[in-house]
Amino acid sequence: MTVALRTDNLDALESEAIHIFREVAGEFDRPVILFSGGKDSTLLLHLAIKAFWPAPVPFPLLHVDTGHNFTEVIEFRDKVVDQYGLRLEVAHVQEWIDDGRLAERPDGTRNPLQTVPLLDTITENKFDAVFGGGRRDEERARAKERIFSLRNAFGQWEPRRQRPELWNLYNGRHRPGEHVRVFPLSNWTELDVWNYIARENIELPSIYYAHQREVYLRDGMWLAEGPWGGPRADETLQARTVRYRTVGDGSCTGAVESTAADIEQVIAEVAASRLTERGATRADDRLSEAAMEDRKREGYF
């Protein structure tokens, strides 16, 4: 008698991600993991640690720091790096601004300014595979992405050059100067991420849970005061109970009003939501209908 094996969804997603990490380790010479301290990159690192345990993670970490990140997240990033004895490369956007390679935007946001420091750092360090925490459920442009996403010598994404990925076979071939972006979380949803974080008891920055913060309303989003500017003359700071569904540049990352103070409450809230975290809280994705796809073609994740 044959018994059908029932595989838990989270186990299947974990197994796929670990397989991808090991494939990259065997196929590429100089991989790197993008790590900002946000929930997706923290999950990515957790899976990398599992993939190679008890050996250390064989790749360095890279963070493109806009200088407009939330203090809680940067402190968490550094704590995790110290805890696991990891190597962290930080590309500071401010350095590119100071030497004239970049100029501040009129709207104050630095999120679109990450592309040049990212590509320069990839080129300088000869990274040939770059792990990111992008998921297909986040945004329409990311839904088109393969798990192994080939980038040309200019770091640009060309949809027509993406390769089929049948039977979990990944083609990492690339010419000198090109590199591959790798997305082990492609098939995860936001709810999968939170359920796995709960199951594995993964620590996250405190701002992912409900807390009191001074915020102001702009274009339907609650933004925090910071070095990026704001509030404007017609905007008023208000004390609200909020949490962040995603973290990034503070000038364009909004909070959501929430009383979800623990992971069970967050999971219930996410399960009831009909908007992805980027759709609900990222102003940079609202710049145009194709804002994310335009940035991806330039070399952004």
C-alpha atoms as a PDB file:
ATOM      1  CA  MET A   1       0.000   0.000   0.000  1.00  0.00           C
ATOM      2  CA  THR A   2       1.387   3.403  -0.998  1.00  0.00           C
ATOM      3  CA  VAL A   3       0.911   6.268   1.417  1.00  0.00           C
ATOM      4  CA  ALA A   4       0.876   9.779  -0.054  1.00  0.00           C
ATOM      5  CA  LEU A   5       3.330  12.026   1.739  1.00  0.00           C
ATOM      6  CA  ARG A   6       1.871  15.334   2.932  1.00  0.00           C
ATOM      7  CA  THR A   7       4.465  18.071   2.866  1.00  0.00           C
ATOM      8  CA  ASP A   8       3.795  21.184   4.837  1.00  0.00           C
ATOM      9  CA  ASN A   9       3.817  24.327   2.675  1.00  0.00           C
ATOM     10  CA  LEU A  10       6.439  26.024   4.830  1.00  0.00           C
ATOM     11  CA  ASP A  11       8.669  22.952   4.715  1.00  0.00           C
ATOM     12  CA  ALA A  12       8.434  22.944   0.907  1.00  0.00           C
ATOM     13  CA  LEU A  13       9.294  26.644   0.672  1.00  0.00           C
ATOM     14  CA  GLU A  14      12.193  26.220   3.096  1.00  0.00           C
ATOM     15  CA  SER A  15      13.523  23.231   1.161  1.00  0.00           C
ATOM     16  CA  GLU A  16      13.364  25.138  -2.130  1.00  0.00           C
ATOM     17  CA  ALA A  17      15.222  28.141  -0.685  1.00  0.00           C
ATOM     18  CA  ILE A  18      17.944  25.986   0.869  1.00  0.00           C
ATOM     19  CA  HIS A  19      18.362  24.156  -2.458  1.00  0.00           C
ATOM     20  CA  ILE A  20      18.795  27.521  -4.218  1.00  0.00           C
ATOM     21  CA  PHE A  21      21.460  28.674  -1.745  1.00  0.00           C
ATOM     22  CA  ARG A  22      23.408  25.457  -2.229  1.00  0.00           C
ATOM     23  CA  GLU A  23      23.077  25.638  -6.023  1.00  0.00           C
ATOM     24  CA  VAL A  24      24.541  29.143  -6.011  1.00  0.00           C
ATOM     25  CA  ALA A  25      27.376  28.079  -3.714  1.00  0.00           C
ATOM     26  CA  GLY A  26      28.316  25.358  -6.193  1.00  0.00           C
ATOM     27  CA  GLU A  27      27.831  27.375  -9.363  1.00  0.00           C
ATOM     28  CA  PHE A  28      29.235  30.854  -8.644  1.00  0.00           C
ATOM     29  CA  ASP A  29      32.562  32.212  -7.413  1.00  0.00           C
ATOM     30  CA  ARG A  30      31.642  35.398  -5.517  1.00  0.00           C
ATOM     31  CA  PRO A  31      28.032  35.499  -4.259  1.00  0.00           C
ATOM     32  CA  VAL A  32      26.769  38.124  -1.814  1.00  0.00           C
ATOM     33  CA  ILE A  33      23.556  38.455   0.204  1.00  0.00           C
ATOM     34  CA  LEU A  34      21.724  41.783   0.308  1.00  0.00           C
ATOM     35  CA  PHE A  35      20.911  42.422   3.960  1.00  0.00           C
ATOM     36  CA  SER A  36      19.154  45.501   5.301  1.00  0.00           C
ATOM     37  CA  GLY A  37      17.789  44.146   8.592  1.00  0.00           C
ATOM     38  CA  GLY A  38      14.236  44.059   7.204  1.00  0.00           C
ATOM     39  CA  LYS A  39      12.008  41.019   7.606  1.00  0.00           C
ATOM     40  CA  ASP A  40      12.638  39.500   4.167  1.00  0.00           C
ATOM     41  CA  SER A  41      16.410  39.882   4.279  1.00  0.00           C
ATOM     42  CA  THR A  42      16.436  38.569   7.869  1.00  0.00           C
ATOM     43  CA  LEU A  43      14.473  35.523   6.706  1.00  0.00           C
ATOM     44  CA  LEU A  44      16.902  35.154   3.794  1.00  0.00           C
ATOM     45  CA  LEU A  45      19.849  35.142   6.176  1.00  0.00           C
ATOM     46  CA  HIS A  46      18.120  32.634   8.477  1.00  0.00           C
ATOM     47  CA  LEU A  47      17.692  30.265   5.511  1.00  0.00           C
ATOM     48  CA  ALA A  48      21.334  30.757   4.460  1.00  0.00           C
ATOM     49  CA  ILE A  49      22.487  29.853   7.969  1.00  0.00           C
ATOM     50  CA  LYS A  50      20.328  26.704   7.808  1.00  0.00           C
ATOM     51  CA  ALA A  51      21.619  25.817   4.350  1.00  0.00           C
ATOM     52  CA  PHE A  52      25.259  25.657   5.449  1.00  0.00           C
ATOM     53  CA  TRP A  53      25.044  24.813   9.147  1.00  0.00           C
ATOM     54  CA  PRO A  54      27.247  23.916  11.014  1.00  0.00           C
ATOM     55  CA  ALA A  55      29.668  25.674   8.650  1.00  0.00           C
ATOM     56  CA  PRO A  56      29.480  29.484   8.566  1.00  0.00           C
ATOM     57  CA  VAL A  57      27.623  31.282   5.795  1.00  0.00           C
ATOM     58  CA  PRO A  58      30.188  31.340   2.945  1.00  0.00           C
ATOM     59  CA  PHE A  59      29.048  34.674   1.519  1.00  0.00           C
ATOM     60  CA  PRO A  60      29.435  38.257   2.745  1.00  0.00           C
ATOM     61  CA  LEU A  61      26.448  40.569   3.286  1.00  0.00           C
ATOM     62  CA  LEU A  62      25.861  43.852   1.457  1.00  0.00           C
ATOM     63  CA  HIS A  63      23.673  46.760   2.537  1.00  0.00           C
ATOM     64  CA  VAL A  64      23.134  49.872   0.439  1.00  0.00           C
ATOM     65  CA  ASP A  65      22.535  52.399   3.209  1.00  0.00           C
ATOM     66  CA  THR A  66      20.596  55.478   2.094  1.00  0.00           C
ATOM     67  CA  GLY A  67      21.350  57.297   5.337  1.00  0.00           C
ATOM     68  CA  HIS A  68      17.581  57.626   5.772  1.00  0.00           C
ATOM     69  CA  ASN A  69      17.002  54.252   7.399  1.00  0.00           C
ATOM     70  CA  PHE A  70      15.189  53.766  10.675  1.00  0.00           C
ATOM     71  CA  THR A  71      17.554  53.688  13.669  1.00  0.00           C
ATOM     72  CA  GLU A  72      15.927  50.546  15.069  1.00  0.00           C
ATOM     73  CA  VAL A  73      16.634  48.674  11.838  1.00  0.00           C
ATOM     74  CA  ILE A  74      20.290  49.707  11.557  1.00  0.00           C
ATOM     75  CA  GLU A  75      20.877  48.718  15.188  1.00  0.00           C
ATOM     76  CA  PHE A  76      19.237  45.360  14.529  1.00  0.00           C
ATOM     77  CA  ARG A  77      21.347  44.855  11.382  1.00  0.00           C
ATOM     78  CA  ASP A  78      24.580  45.398  13.295  1.00  0.00           C
ATOM     79  CA  LYS A  79      23.431  43.182  16.166  1.00  0.00           C
ATOM     80  CA  VAL A  80      22.749  40.256  13.808  1.00  0.00           C
ATOM     81  CA  VAL A  81      26.095  40.682  12.031  1.00  0.00           C
ATOM     82  CA  ASP A  82      27.926  40.581  15.379  1.00  0.00           C
ATOM     83  CA  GLN A  83      25.845  37.668  16.681  1.00  0.00           C
ATOM     84  CA  TYR A  84      26.721  35.368  13.777  1.00  0.00           C
ATOM     85  CA  GLY A  85      30.200  36.697  13.026  1.00  0.00           C
ATOM     86  CA  LEU A  86      29.245  37.743   9.496  1.00  0.00           C
ATOM     87  CA  ARG A  87      31.071  39.961   7.019  1.00  0.00           C
ATOM     88  CA  LEU A  88      29.126  43.107   6.129  1.00  0.00           C
ATOM     89  CA  GLU A  89      29.905  45.499   3.284  1.00  0.00           C
ATOM     90  CA  VAL A  90      28.028  48.816   3.538  1.00  0.00           C
ATOM     91  CA  ALA A  91      27.670  51.115   0.529  1.00  0.00           C
ATOM     92  CA  HIS A  92      26.731  54.533   1.907  1.00  0.00           C
ATOM     93  CA  VAL A  93      24.669  56.595  -0.543  1.00  0.00           C
ATOM     94  CA  GLN A  94      25.985  59.719   1.219  1.00  0.00           C
ATOM     95  CA  GLU A  95      29.505  58.986  -0.097  1.00  0.00           C
ATOM     96  CA  TRP A  96      28.222  59.003  -3.689  1.00  0.00           C
ATOM     97  CA  ILE A  97      26.445  62.312  -3.010  1.00  0.00           C
ATOM     98  CA  ASP A  98      29.526  63.849  -1.368  1.00  0.00           C
ATOM     99  CA  ASP A  99      31.820  63.106  -4.318  1.00  0.00           C
ATOM    100  CA  GLY A 100      29.289  64.171  -6.964  1.00  0.00           C
ATOM    101  CA  ARG A 101      28.397  60.787  -8.431  1.00  0.00           C
ATOM    102  CA  LEU A 102      24.813  61.338  -7.222  1.00  0.00           C
ATOM    103  CA  ALA A 103      22.667  64.383  -6.472  1.00  0.00           C
ATOM    104  CA  GLU A 104      19.868  64.702  -3.925  1.00  0.00           C
ATOM    105  CA  ARG A 105      16.382  64.477  -5.381  1.00  0.00           C
ATOM    106  CA  PRO A 106      13.993  67.441  -4.969  1.00  0.00           C
ATOM    107  CA  ASP A 107      11.488  65.225  -3.145  1.00  0.00           C
ATOM    108  CA  GLY A 108      14.099  64.202  -0.541  1.00  0.00           C
ATOM    109  CA  THR A 109      13.775  60.462  -1.087  1.00  0.00           C
ATOM    110  CA  ARG A 110      16.957  58.471  -1.557  1.00  0.00           C
ATOM    111  CA  ASN A 111      15.421  55.117  -2.389  1.00  0.00           C
ATOM    112  CA  PRO A 112      15.899  55.543  -6.179  1.00  0.00           C
ATOM    113  CA  LEU A 113      19.495  56.623  -5.481  1.00  0.00           C
ATOM    114  CA  GLN A 114      20.453  53.119  -4.318  1.00  0.00           C
ATOM    115  CA  THR A 115      20.946  51.772  -7.836  1.00  0.00           C
ATOM    116  CA  VAL A 116      24.311  53.396  -8.643  1.00  0.00           C
ATOM    117  CA  PRO A 117      25.997  52.487  -5.316  1.00  0.00           C
ATOM    118  CA  LEU A 118      24.636  48.937  -5.657  1.00  0.00           C
ATOM    119  CA  LEU A 119      25.998  48.471  -9.191  1.00  0.00           C
ATOM    120  CA  ASP A 120      29.306  50.148  -8.362  1.00  0.00           C
ATOM    121  CA  THR A 121      29.798  47.885  -5.344  1.00  0.00           C
ATOM    122  CA  ILE A 122      28.899  44.753  -7.323  1.00  0.00           C
ATOM    123  CA  THR A 123      31.431  45.713  -9.993  1.00  0.00           C
ATOM    124  CA  GLU A 124      34.160  46.721  -7.544  1.00  0.00           C
ATOM    125  CA  ASN A 125      33.891  43.443  -5.610  1.00  0.00           C
ATOM    126  CA  LYS A 126      33.289  41.299  -8.714  1.00  0.00           C
ATOM    127  CA  PHE A 127      30.158  39.771  -7.183  1.00  0.00           C
ATOM    128  CA  ASP A 128      28.676  37.338  -9.711  1.00  0.00           C
ATOM    129  CA  ALA A 129      25.522  36.313  -7.812  1.00  0.00           C
ATOM    130  CA  VAL A 130      23.522  38.680  -5.613  1.00  0.00           C
ATOM    131  CA  PHE A 131      20.841  37.257  -3.319  1.00  0.00           C
ATOM    132  CA  GLY A 132      17.778  39.420  -2.703  1.00  0.00           C
ATOM    133  CA  GLY A 133      14.604  38.992  -0.675  1.00  0.00           C
ATOM    134  CA  GLY A 134      12.194  39.949  -3.484  1.00  0.00           C
ATOM    135  CA  ARG A 135       8.929  38.019  -3.688  1.00  0.00           C
ATOM    136  CA  ARG A 136       6.585  37.698  -6.658  1.00  0.00           C
ATOM    137  CA  ASP A 137       3.509  38.681  -4.629  1.00  0.00           C
ATOM    138  CA  GLU A 138       4.915  42.114  -3.766  1.00  0.00           C
ATOM    139  CA  GLU A 139       4.512  43.956  -7.067  1.00  0.00           C
ATOM    140  CA  ARG A 140       3.673  43.314 -10.736  1.00  0.00           C
ATOM    141  CA  ALA A 141       7.229  43.812 -12.028  1.00  0.00           C
ATOM    142  CA  ARG A 142       8.572  41.364  -9.459  1.00  0.00           C
ATOM    143  CA  ALA A 143       5.958  38.823 -10.522  1.00  0.00           C
ATOM    144  CA  LYS A 144       7.790  38.600 -13.875  1.00  0.00           C
ATOM    145  CA  GLU A 145      11.093  37.779 -12.226  1.00  0.00           C
ATOM    146  CA  ARG A 146      12.777  34.384 -12.442  1.00  0.00           C
ATOM    147  CA  ILE A 147      14.539  32.923  -9.393  1.00  0.00           C
ATOM    148  CA  PHE A 148      17.837  33.314 -11.295  1.00  0.00           C
ATOM    149  CA  SER A 149      17.553  36.740 -12.945  1.00  0.00           C
ATOM    150  CA  LEU A 150      20.330  37.533 -15.407  1.00  0.00           C
ATOM    151  CA  ARG A 151      21.629  41.110 -15.435  1.00  0.00           C
ATOM    152  CA  ASN A 152      23.754  42.495 -18.265  1.00  0.00           C
ATOM    153  CA  ALA A 153      27.149  44.182 -17.971  1.00  0.00           C
ATOM    154  CA  PHE A 154      25.383  47.420 -16.991  1.00  0.00           C
ATOM    155  CA  GLY A 155      23.414  45.667 -14.242  1.00  0.00           C
ATOM    156  CA  GLN A 156      20.179  46.037 -16.192  1.00  0.00           C
ATOM    157  CA  TRP A 157      17.264  43.627 -16.260  1.00  0.00           C
ATOM    158  CA  GLU A 158      16.226  42.441 -19.736  1.00  0.00           C
ATOM    159  CA  PRO A 159      12.995  40.403 -19.543  1.00  0.00           C
ATOM    160  CA  ARG A 160      13.596  38.733 -22.912  1.00  0.00           C
ATOM    161  CA  ARG A 161      16.872  37.252 -21.700  1.00  0.00           C
ATOM    162  CA  GLN A 162      15.313  35.528 -18.689  1.00  0.00           C
ATOM    163  CA  ARG A 163      15.585  31.758 -18.881  1.00  0.00           C
ATOM    164  CA  PRO A 164      12.987  29.060 -18.251  1.00  0.00           C
ATOM    165  CA  GLU A 165      13.274  27.289 -14.895  1.00  0.00           C
ATOM    166  CA  LEU A 166      11.729  23.865 -15.359  1.00  0.00           C
ATOM    167  CA  TRP A 167      12.037  21.057 -12.797  1.00  0.00           C
ATOM    168  CA  ASN A 168      13.952  23.335 -10.395  1.00  0.00           C
ATOM    169  CA  LEU A 169      16.885  23.579 -12.800  1.00  0.00           C
ATOM    170  CA  TYR A 170      18.605  26.972 -12.645  1.00  0.00           C
ATOM    171  CA  ASN A 171      20.904  28.286 -15.359  1.00  0.00           C
ATOM    172  CA  GLY A 172      23.560  30.581 -13.923  1.00  0.00           C
ATOM    173  CA  ARG A 173      25.640  31.022 -17.062  1.00  0.00           C
ATOM    174  CA  HIS A 174      26.745  34.590 -17.616  1.00  0.00           C
ATOM    175  CA  ARG A 175      29.356  36.448 -19.607  1.00  0.00           C
ATOM    176  CA  PRO A 176      32.240  38.383 -17.984  1.00  0.00           C
ATOM    177  CA  GLY A 177      30.864  41.573 -16.431  1.00  0.00           C
ATOM    178  CA  GLU A 178      27.347  40.182 -16.102  1.00  0.00           C
ATOM    179  CA  HIS A 179      25.875  38.863 -12.879  1.00  0.00           C
ATOM    180  CA  VAL A 180      22.796  37.030 -11.670  1.00  0.00           C
ATOM    181  CA  ARG A 181      20.278  38.238  -9.102  1.00  0.00           C
ATOM    182  CA  VAL A 182      18.939  35.305  -7.068  1.00  0.00           C
ATOM    183  CA  PHE A 183      15.566  35.319  -5.299  1.00  0.00           C
ATOM    184  CA  PRO A 184      15.096  32.299  -2.996  1.00  0.00           C
ATOM    185  CA  LEU A 185      11.860  33.795  -1.593  1.00  0.00           C
ATOM    186  CA  SER A 186      10.201  34.213  -5.003  1.00  0.00           C
ATOM    187  CA  ASN A 187       7.390  31.771  -4.265  1.00  0.00           C
ATOM    188  CA  TRP A 188       6.702  32.974  -0.712  1.00  0.00           C
ATOM    189  CA  THR A 189       3.819  35.272   0.177  1.00  0.00           C
ATOM    190  CA  GLU A 190       3.841  37.868   2.945  1.00  0.00           C
ATOM    191  CA  LEU A 191       1.698  35.497   5.011  1.00  0.00           C
ATOM    192  CA  ASP A 192       4.156  32.641   4.400  1.00  0.00           C
ATOM    193  CA  VAL A 193       6.972  34.887   5.606  1.00  0.00           C
ATOM    194  CA  TRP A 194       5.192  35.729   8.847  1.00  0.00           C
ATOM    195  CA  ASN A 195       4.082  32.152   9.501  1.00  0.00           C
ATOM    196  CA  TYR A 196       7.652  30.947   9.022  1.00  0.00           C
ATOM    197  CA  ILE A 197       9.029  33.709  11.246  1.00  0.00           C
ATOM    198  CA  ALA A 198       6.582  32.564  13.935  1.00  0.00           C
ATOM    199  CA  ARG A 199       7.478  28.895  13.495  1.00  0.00           C
ATOM    200  CA  GLU A 200      11.222  29.534  13.609  1.00  0.00           C
ATOM    201  CA  ASN A 201      11.002  32.212  16.321  1.00  0.00           C
ATOM    202  CA  ILE A 202      13.035  34.658  14.199  1.00  0.00           C
ATOM    203  CA  GLU A 203      13.772  37.999  15.836  1.00  0.00           C
ATOM    204  CA  LEU A 204      12.893  41.157  13.893  1.00  0.00           C
ATOM    205  CA  PRO A 205      13.332  44.907  14.440  1.00  0.00           C
ATOM    206  CA  SER A 206      10.782  46.217  16.939  1.00  0.00           C
ATOM    207  CA  ILE A 207       9.111  48.547  14.415  1.00  0.00           C
ATOM    208  CA  TYR A 208       7.389  45.591  12.751  1.00  0.00           C
ATOM    209  CA  TYR A 209       5.110  45.480  15.806  1.00  0.00           C
ATOM    210  CA  ALA A 210       2.652  48.071  17.117  1.00  0.00           C
ATOM    211  CA  HIS A 211       4.211  51.004  18.945  1.00  0.00           C
ATOM    212  CA  GLN A 212       3.610  54.711  19.534  1.00  0.00           C
ATOM    213  CA  ARG A 213       5.254  57.031  16.986  1.00  0.00           C
ATOM    214  CA  GLU A 214       4.991  60.636  15.890  1.00  0.00           C
ATOM    215  CA  VAL A 215       3.800  60.538  12.268  1.00  0.00           C
ATOM    216  CA  TYR A 216       2.183  62.820   9.714  1.00  0.00           C
ATOM    217  CA  LEU A 217      -0.215  62.037   6.880  1.00  0.00           C
ATOM    218  CA  ARG A 218       0.936  62.502   3.273  1.00  0.00           C
ATOM    219  CA  ASP A 219      -0.809  61.040   0.222  1.00  0.00           C
ATOM    220  CA  GLY A 220      -2.718  58.622   2.409  1.00  0.00           C
ATOM    221  CA  MET A 221       0.403  57.295   4.169  1.00  0.00           C
ATOM    222  CA  TRP A 222       1.681  57.825   7.705  1.00  0.00           C
ATOM    223  CA  LEU A 223       5.303  59.010   7.454  1.00  0.00           C
ATOM    224  CA  ALA A 224       7.742  59.608  10.288  1.00  0.00           C
ATOM    225  CA  GLU A 225       9.740  62.757  10.880  1.00  0.00           C
ATOM    226  CA  GLY A 226      13.427  62.399  10.047  1.00  0.00           C
ATOM    227  CA  PRO A 227      16.499  63.816   8.276  1.00  0.00           C
ATOM    228  CA  TRP A 228      14.715  63.370   4.940  1.00  0.00           C
ATOM    229  CA  GLY A 229      12.411  66.309   5.719  1.00  0.00           C
ATOM    230  CA  GLY A 230       8.788  66.698   6.723  1.00  0.00           C
ATOM    231  CA  PRO A 231       6.296  67.434   7.902  1.00  0.00           C
ATOM    232  CA  ARG A 232       5.513  70.319   5.556  1.00  0.00           C
ATOM    233  CA  ALA A 233       3.694  73.445   6.629  1.00  0.00           C
ATOM    234  CA  ASP A 234       0.304  71.886   5.950  1.00  0.00           C
ATOM    235  CA  GLU A 235       1.157  68.587   7.669  1.00  0.00           C
ATOM    236  CA  THR A 236       0.876  67.985  11.411  1.00  0.00           C
ATOM    237  CA  LEU A 237       2.713  65.469  13.551  1.00  0.00           C
ATOM    238  CA  GLN A 238       0.362  63.182  15.457  1.00  0.00           C
ATOM    239  CA  ALA A 239       1.022  60.441  18.007  1.00  0.00           C
ATOM    240  CA  ARG A 240      -0.376  57.210  16.564  1.00  0.00           C
ATOM    241  CA  THR A 241      -0.168  53.521  17.327  1.00  0.00           C
ATOM    242  CA  VAL A 242       1.433  52.121  14.193  1.00  0.00           C
ATOM    243  CA  ARG A 243       3.673  49.403  12.857  1.00  0.00           C
ATOM    244  CA  TYR A 244       5.693  48.934   9.657  1.00  0.00           C
ATOM    245  CA  ARG A 245       4.916  46.176   7.160  1.00  0.00           C
ATOM    246  CA  THR A 246       8.124  46.854   5.243  1.00  0.00           C
ATOM    247  CA  VAL A 247      11.159  48.984   6.054  1.00  0.00           C
ATOM    248  CA  GLY A 248      13.426  51.028   3.830  1.00  0.00           C
ATOM    249  CA  ASP A 249      14.146  54.669   3.149  1.00  0.00           C
ATOM    250  CA  GLY A 250      12.192  56.612   5.771  1.00  0.00           C
ATOM    251  CA  SER A 251      11.155  59.291   3.279  1.00  0.00           C
ATOM    252  CA  CYS A 252       8.984  56.876   1.309  1.00  0.00           C
ATOM    253  CA  THR A 253       8.129  54.072   3.743  1.00  0.00           C
ATOM    254  CA  GLY A 254       4.829  54.542   5.489  1.00  0.00           C
ATOM    255  CA  ALA A 255       3.502  53.008   8.680  1.00  0.00           C
ATOM    256  CA  VAL A 256       0.062  51.458   9.059  1.00  0.00           C
ATOM    257  CA  GLU A 257      -2.218  52.082  12.009  1.00  0.00           C
ATOM    258  CA  SER A 258      -2.217  48.845  13.954  1.00  0.00           C
ATOM    259  CA  THR A 259      -2.580  47.350  17.415  1.00  0.00           C
ATOM    260  CA  ALA A 260      -0.779  44.126  16.394  1.00  0.00           C
ATOM    261  CA  ALA A 261       1.821  43.976  19.152  1.00  0.00           C
ATOM    262  CA  ASP A 262       2.876  40.345  18.758  1.00  0.00           C
ATOM    263  CA  ILE A 263       3.414  37.904  15.928  1.00  0.00           C
ATOM    264  CA  GLU A 264       0.044  36.142  16.257  1.00  0.00           C
ATOM    265  CA  GLN A 265      -1.759  39.467  15.919  1.00  0.00           C
ATOM    266  CA  VAL A 266       0.417  40.446  12.938  1.00  0.00           C
ATOM    267  CA  ILE A 267      -0.391  37.160  11.181  1.00  0.00           C
ATOM    268  CA  ALA A 268      -4.127  37.737  11.716  1.00  0.00           C
ATOM    269  CA  GLU A 269      -3.784  41.277  10.339  1.00  0.00           C
ATOM    270  CA  VAL A 270      -1.807  40.191   7.270  1.00  0.00           C
ATOM    271  CA  ALA A 271      -4.257  37.376   6.558  1.00  0.00           C
ATOM    272  CA  ALA A 272      -7.107  39.892   6.432  1.00  0.00           C
ATOM    273  CA  SER A 273      -5.259  42.439   4.249  1.00  0.00           C
ATOM    274  CA  ARG A 274      -5.995  42.800   0.541  1.00  0.00           C
ATOM    275  CA  LEU A 275      -2.954  44.966  -0.197  1.00  0.00           C
ATOM    276  CA  THR A 276       0.673  43.838  -0.333  1.00  0.00           C
ATOM    277  CA  GLU A 277       3.072  45.597   1.992  1.00  0.00           C
ATOM    278  CA  ARG A 278       4.671  47.567  -0.863  1.00  0.00           C
ATOM    279  CA  GLY A 279       1.299  48.544  -2.293  1.00  0.00           C
ATOM    280  CA  ALA A 280       0.137  49.794   1.083  1.00  0.00           C
ATOM    281  CA  THR A 281       3.223  51.566   2.392  1.00  0.00           C
ATOM    282  CA  ARG A 282       5.818  52.392  -0.288  1.00  0.00           C
ATOM    283  CA  ALA A 283       5.494  55.821  -1.874  1.00  0.00           C
ATOM    284  CA  ASP A 284       8.331  55.130  -4.331  1.00  0.00           C
ATOM    285  CA  ASP A 285       6.157  52.517  -6.048  1.00  0.00           C
ATOM    286  CA  ARG A 286       3.517  55.178  -6.693  1.00  0.00           C
ATOM    287  CA  LEU A 287       5.741  57.453  -8.788  1.00  0.00           C
ATOM    288  CA  SER A 288       4.294  55.900 -11.945  1.00  0.00           C
ATOM    289  CA  GLU A 289       2.377  52.816 -13.075  1.00  0.00           C
ATOM    290  CA  ALA A 290       5.681  51.154 -14.003  1.00  0.00           C
ATOM    291  CA  ALA A 291       7.870  52.650 -11.249  1.00  0.00           C
ATOM    292  CA  MET A 292       9.328  49.341 -10.039  1.00  0.00           C
ATOM    293  CA  GLU A 293       9.859  47.954 -13.542  1.00  0.00           C
ATOM    294  CA  ASP A 294      11.636  51.150 -14.615  1.00  0.00           C
ATOM    295  CA  ARG A 295      13.994  50.901 -11.624  1.00  0.00           C
ATOM    296  CA  LYS A 296      14.619  47.211 -12.272  1.00  0.00           C
ATOM    297  CA  ARG A 297      15.637  47.973 -15.855  1.00  0.00           C
ATOM    298  CA  GLU A 298      18.154  50.485 -14.455  1.00  0.00           C
ATOM    299  CA  GLY A 299      19.664  47.884 -12.113  1.00  0.00           C
ATOM    300  CA  TYR A 300      17.570  48.182  -8.957  1.00  0.00           C
ATOM    301  CA  PHE A 301      16.204  45.041  -7.288  1.00  0.00           C
END
